[in-house]
N, C-alpha and C. Protein backbone atom coordinates (compact mmCIF):
# COMPACT_ATOMS: atom_id res chain seq x y z
N MET A 1 36.14 119.25 124.46
CA MET A 1 35.73 119.81 125.72
C MET A 1 34.70 118.88 126.33
N TRP A 2 34.83 118.68 127.63
CA TRP A 2 33.97 117.71 128.30
C TRP A 2 33.55 118.22 129.67
N GLY A 3 32.24 118.25 129.89
CA GLY A 3 31.70 118.64 131.18
C GLY A 3 31.84 117.50 132.18
N LEU A 4 32.56 117.72 133.25
CA LEU A 4 32.82 116.66 134.22
C LEU A 4 31.64 116.35 135.14
N ASN A 5 30.64 117.23 135.18
CA ASN A 5 29.46 116.96 136.00
C ASN A 5 28.33 116.32 135.20
N ASP A 6 28.65 115.84 134.02
CA ASP A 6 27.65 115.18 133.19
C ASP A 6 27.26 113.84 133.83
N ILE A 7 25.97 113.63 134.05
CA ILE A 7 25.53 112.39 134.70
C ILE A 7 25.36 111.24 133.72
N PHE A 8 25.41 111.53 132.42
CA PHE A 8 25.19 110.49 131.42
C PHE A 8 26.47 109.94 130.81
N PHE A 9 27.47 110.79 130.63
CA PHE A 9 28.69 110.38 129.94
C PHE A 9 29.91 110.61 130.82
N ASP A 10 30.57 109.55 131.21
CA ASP A 10 31.78 109.62 132.02
C ASP A 10 32.91 110.24 131.21
N LYS A 11 33.86 110.88 131.89
CA LYS A 11 34.95 111.54 131.16
C LYS A 11 35.84 110.56 130.41
N LYS A 12 35.77 109.26 130.72
CA LYS A 12 36.57 108.29 129.97
C LYS A 12 36.22 108.33 128.48
N TRP A 13 34.97 108.71 128.17
CA TRP A 13 34.55 108.78 126.77
C TRP A 13 35.22 109.96 126.05
N ALA A 14 35.52 111.00 126.77
CA ALA A 14 36.22 112.14 126.17
C ALA A 14 37.60 111.70 125.69
N TYR A 15 38.27 110.93 126.52
CA TYR A 15 39.62 110.48 126.16
C TYR A 15 39.57 109.39 125.09
N TRP A 16 38.53 108.59 125.10
CA TRP A 16 38.35 107.60 124.03
C TRP A 16 38.17 108.32 122.69
N LEU A 17 37.33 109.36 122.69
CA LEU A 17 37.13 110.12 121.45
C LEU A 17 38.42 110.77 120.99
N LYS A 18 39.18 111.35 121.93
CA LYS A 18 40.46 111.98 121.56
C LYS A 18 41.39 110.97 120.91
N ASP A 19 41.42 109.78 121.45
CA ASP A 19 42.31 108.75 120.91
C ASP A 19 41.78 108.13 119.62
N THR A 20 40.50 108.28 119.35
CA THR A 20 39.87 107.65 118.20
C THR A 20 39.76 108.59 116.99
N ILE A 21 39.56 109.87 117.24
CA ILE A 21 39.38 110.84 116.15
C ILE A 21 40.76 111.30 115.66
N PRO A 22 41.07 111.06 114.39
CA PRO A 22 42.37 111.49 113.86
C PRO A 22 42.54 113.01 113.98
N GLY A 23 43.68 113.42 114.47
CA GLY A 23 43.98 114.84 114.61
C GLY A 23 43.56 115.46 115.92
N ALA A 24 42.74 114.77 116.71
CA ALA A 24 42.35 115.32 118.01
C ALA A 24 43.58 115.35 118.90
N GLU A 25 43.79 116.47 119.57
CA GLU A 25 45.03 116.64 120.32
C GLU A 25 44.87 116.58 121.83
N ARG A 26 43.74 117.05 122.35
CA ARG A 26 43.61 117.09 123.80
C ARG A 26 42.15 117.15 124.21
N VAL A 27 41.92 116.93 125.48
CA VAL A 27 40.59 117.06 126.07
C VAL A 27 40.66 118.24 127.03
N ILE A 28 39.70 119.14 126.92
CA ILE A 28 39.59 120.24 127.86
C ILE A 28 38.46 119.88 128.80
N GLU A 29 38.78 119.73 130.07
CA GLU A 29 37.79 119.35 131.07
C GLU A 29 37.16 120.60 131.68
N ILE A 30 35.82 120.62 131.70
CA ILE A 30 35.08 121.71 132.31
C ILE A 30 34.56 121.18 133.64
N PRO A 31 35.20 121.54 134.77
CA PRO A 31 34.87 120.93 136.07
C PRO A 31 33.41 121.00 136.47
N ASP A 32 32.76 122.12 136.28
CA ASP A 32 31.36 122.24 136.69
C ASP A 32 30.39 122.14 135.52
N GLY A 33 30.87 121.65 134.38
CA GLY A 33 30.04 121.54 133.19
C GLY A 33 29.21 120.26 133.16
N ARG A 34 28.06 120.37 132.55
CA ARG A 34 27.19 119.21 132.33
C ARG A 34 27.09 118.97 130.84
N LEU A 35 26.15 118.15 130.43
CA LEU A 35 26.03 117.77 129.03
C LEU A 35 25.91 118.99 128.11
N PHE A 36 25.09 119.96 128.47
CA PHE A 36 24.90 121.14 127.62
C PHE A 36 25.60 122.36 128.19
N PHE A 37 26.83 122.18 128.65
CA PHE A 37 27.54 123.28 129.29
C PHE A 37 27.71 124.50 128.39
N PRO A 38 27.83 124.37 127.05
CA PRO A 38 27.96 125.59 126.25
C PRO A 38 26.75 126.51 126.38
N GLU A 39 25.60 125.93 126.63
CA GLU A 39 24.40 126.73 126.81
C GLU A 39 24.39 127.38 128.20
N ASP A 40 24.81 126.62 129.18
CA ASP A 40 24.82 127.12 130.56
C ASP A 40 26.05 127.96 130.89
N ARG A 41 27.16 127.63 130.27
CA ARG A 41 28.45 128.28 130.57
C ARG A 41 29.18 128.64 129.29
N PRO A 42 28.66 129.56 128.50
CA PRO A 42 29.33 129.89 127.23
C PRO A 42 30.76 130.40 127.43
N ASP A 43 31.03 130.99 128.59
CA ASP A 43 32.38 131.47 128.87
C ASP A 43 33.40 130.34 128.91
N ALA A 44 32.96 129.15 129.30
CA ALA A 44 33.86 127.99 129.35
C ALA A 44 34.22 127.50 127.95
N LEU A 45 33.37 127.81 126.98
CA LEU A 45 33.60 127.39 125.60
C LEU A 45 34.37 128.43 124.81
N THR A 46 34.10 129.69 125.07
CA THR A 46 34.65 130.77 124.26
C THR A 46 36.18 130.82 124.25
N GLY A 47 36.79 130.79 125.42
CA GLY A 47 38.26 130.88 125.48
C GLY A 47 38.96 129.77 124.73
N PRO A 48 38.64 128.51 125.01
CA PRO A 48 39.30 127.42 124.27
C PRO A 48 39.01 127.45 122.77
N MET A 49 37.81 127.84 122.37
CA MET A 49 37.51 127.90 120.93
C MET A 49 38.30 129.00 120.24
N LEU A 50 38.41 130.15 120.88
CA LEU A 50 39.21 131.23 120.30
C LEU A 50 40.67 130.82 120.19
N GLY A 51 41.18 130.12 121.21
CA GLY A 51 42.55 129.62 121.16
C GLY A 51 42.76 128.64 120.02
N PHE A 52 41.77 127.76 119.82
CA PHE A 52 41.85 126.79 118.73
C PHE A 52 41.88 127.51 117.38
N TRP A 53 40.99 128.46 117.18
CA TRP A 53 40.95 129.16 115.90
C TRP A 53 42.18 130.02 115.69
N ASP A 54 42.74 130.60 116.73
CA ASP A 54 44.00 131.33 116.59
C ASP A 54 45.10 130.40 116.10
N LYS A 55 45.14 129.19 116.66
CA LYS A 55 46.15 128.21 116.26
C LYS A 55 45.95 127.79 114.80
N VAL A 56 44.72 127.52 114.43
CA VAL A 56 44.42 127.12 113.05
C VAL A 56 44.77 128.23 112.07
N MET A 57 44.37 129.46 112.39
CA MET A 57 44.65 130.57 111.49
C MET A 57 46.14 130.87 111.41
N GLY A 58 46.84 130.71 112.54
CA GLY A 58 48.29 130.91 112.52
C GLY A 58 48.98 129.90 111.64
N ALA A 59 48.54 128.65 111.69
CA ALA A 59 49.13 127.61 110.85
C ALA A 59 48.81 127.86 109.38
N ALA A 60 47.59 128.31 109.10
CA ALA A 60 47.19 128.59 107.72
C ALA A 60 47.98 129.77 107.15
N THR A 61 48.20 130.78 107.98
CA THR A 61 48.96 131.95 107.54
C THR A 61 50.41 131.56 107.28
N ALA A 62 50.98 130.75 108.18
CA ALA A 62 52.38 130.32 107.99
C ALA A 62 52.52 129.47 106.73
N ALA A 63 51.54 128.63 106.45
CA ALA A 63 51.61 127.77 105.27
C ALA A 63 51.47 128.58 103.97
N ALA A 64 50.79 129.71 104.04
CA ALA A 64 50.57 130.54 102.85
C ALA A 64 51.82 131.33 102.47
N HIS A 65 52.72 131.48 103.43
CA HIS A 65 53.93 132.28 103.13
C HIS A 65 55.09 131.44 102.82
């Protein structure tokens, strides 16, 4: 997840990290987010995080059966 209004880190770094970190699948852009957007906009973090954990738990459950 990357805040697009961050004045210190351009969004190109988000895509560099995605391409560099093994297993990273996508970048979620937060249009009005800044560096500490989870503190300012927890709603922008909650939905994508819950979706991620649902996906992880679904894969773990499928692998267990």
